[in-house]
C-alpha atoms as a PDB file:
ATOM      1  CA  UNK A   1       0.321   0.253  -0.219  1.00  0.00           C
ATOM      2  CA  UNK A   2       1.767   3.288  -1.255  1.00  0.00           C
ATOM      3  CA  UNK A   3       0.653   5.982   0.693  1.00  0.00           C
ATOM      4  CA  UNK A   4       1.022   9.195  -1.340  1.00  0.00           C
ATOM      5  CA  UNK A   5       0.705  12.983  -0.102  1.00  0.00           C
ATOM      6  CA  UNK A   6      -3.468  13.045  -0.310  1.00  0.00           C
ATOM      7  CA  UNK A   7      -3.880   9.492   1.313  1.00  0.00           C
ATOM      8  CA  UNK A   8      -2.080  10.255   4.617  1.00  0.00           C
ATOM      9  CA  UNK A   9      -4.307  14.371   4.621  1.00  0.00           C
ATOM     10  CA  UNK A  10      -7.152  11.600   4.751  1.00  0.00           C
ATOM     11  CA  UNK A  11      -6.412   9.195   7.437  1.00  0.00           C
ATOM     12  CA  UNK A  12      -4.953  12.453   9.318  1.00  0.00           C
ATOM     13  CA  UNK A  13      -8.115  14.037   9.034  1.00  0.00           C
ATOM     14  CA  UNK A  14      -9.899  10.961  10.158  1.00  0.00           C
ATOM     15  CA  UNK A  15      -8.797  10.084  12.733  1.00  0.00           C
ATOM     16  CA  UNK A  16      -8.479  13.364  14.747  1.00  0.00           C
ATOM     17  CA  UNK A  17     -11.765  13.982  13.494  1.00  0.00           C
ATOM     18  CA  UNK A  18     -12.353  11.020  15.838  1.00  0.00           C
ATOM     19  CA  UNK A  19     -10.380  12.176  19.074  1.00  0.00           C
ATOM     20  CA  UNK A  20     -12.405  15.041  18.642  1.00  0.00           C
ATOM     21  CA  UNK A  21     -16.174  13.491  18.306  1.00  0.00           C
ATOM     22  CA  UNK A  22     -14.172  10.686  21.377  1.00  0.00           C
ATOM     23  CA  UNK A  23     -13.472  14.232  23.156  1.00  0.00           C
ATOM     24  CA  UNK A  24     -16.358  15.858  22.883  1.00  0.00           C
ATOM     25  CA  UNK A  25     -18.719  12.829  24.229  1.00  0.00           C
ATOM     26  CA  UNK A  26     -16.349  12.157  26.977  1.00  0.00           C
ATOM     27  CA  UNK A  27     -16.874  15.619  28.242  1.00  0.00           C
ATOM     28  CA  UNK A  28     -20.597  15.060  27.860  1.00  0.00           C
ATOM     29  CA  UNK A  29     -20.986  11.734  29.550  1.00  0.00           C
ATOM     30  CA  UNK A  30     -17.812  11.040  31.879  1.00  0.00           C
ATOM     31  CA  UNK A  31     -16.650  14.449  32.895  1.00  0.00           C
ATOM     32  CA  UNK A  32     -19.565  16.719  32.978  1.00  0.00           C
ATOM     33  CA  UNK A  33     -17.713  19.186  35.634  1.00  0.00           C
ATOM     34  CA  UNK A  34     -15.191  19.608  32.583  1.00  0.00           C
ATOM     35  CA  UNK A  35     -17.414  19.643  29.963  1.00  0.00           C
ATOM     36  CA  UNK A  36     -16.559  23.290  28.702  1.00  0.00           C
ATOM     37  CA  UNK A  37     -12.273  22.248  28.142  1.00  0.00           C
ATOM     38  CA  UNK A  38     -13.135  18.703  26.622  1.00  0.00           C
ATOM     39  CA  UNK A  39     -16.208  20.479  23.973  1.00  0.00           C
ATOM     40  CA  UNK A  40     -13.323  23.206  22.841  1.00  0.00           C
ATOM     41  CA  UNK A  41     -10.492  21.113  22.101  1.00  0.00           C
ATOM     42  CA  UNK A  42     -12.857  18.226  20.835  1.00  0.00           C
ATOM     43  CA  UNK A  43     -13.948  21.115  18.343  1.00  0.00           C
ATOM     44  CA  UNK A  44     -10.258  22.372  17.818  1.00  0.00           C
ATOM     45  CA  UNK A  45      -9.344  18.959  16.784  1.00  0.00           C
ATOM     46  CA  UNK A  46     -12.196  18.903  14.404  1.00  0.00           C
ATOM     47  CA  UNK A  47     -11.840  21.984  13.035  1.00  0.00           C
ATOM     48  CA  UNK A  48      -8.267  20.816  12.556  1.00  0.00           C
ATOM     49  CA  UNK A  49      -9.598  18.124  10.739  1.00  0.00           C
ATOM     50  CA  UNK A  50     -11.631  20.067   8.788  1.00  0.00           C
ATOM     51  CA  UNK A  51      -8.612  21.808   7.576  1.00  0.00           C
ATOM     52  CA  UNK A  52      -6.538  18.824   6.516  1.00  0.00           C
ATOM     53  CA  UNK A  53      -9.633  17.588   4.123  1.00  0.00           C
ATOM     54  CA  UNK A  54      -9.527  20.947   3.278  1.00  0.00           C
ATOM     55  CA  UNK A  55      -6.026  20.897   2.447  1.00  0.00           C
ATOM     56  CA  UNK A  56      -5.785  17.688   0.978  1.00  0.00           C
ATOM     57  CA  UNK A  57      -4.846  17.458  -3.428  1.00  0.00           C
ATOM     58  CA  UNK A  58      -3.536  21.480  -3.152  1.00  0.00           C
ATOM     59  CA  UNK A  59      -0.336  20.631  -1.397  1.00  0.00           C
END
């Protein structure tokens, strides 16, 4: 399996998006007293994943 730049950006975006969703869900269900922090960090991960997905094919 050869990984080119587009596949690497795609996999990185997928992994970071999943981590962002996992952080948000951890804040909602497990650590209710830290929900704001977990949600902000999760939203940041999703924003970076969205940027990676937008950069795919342009670099």
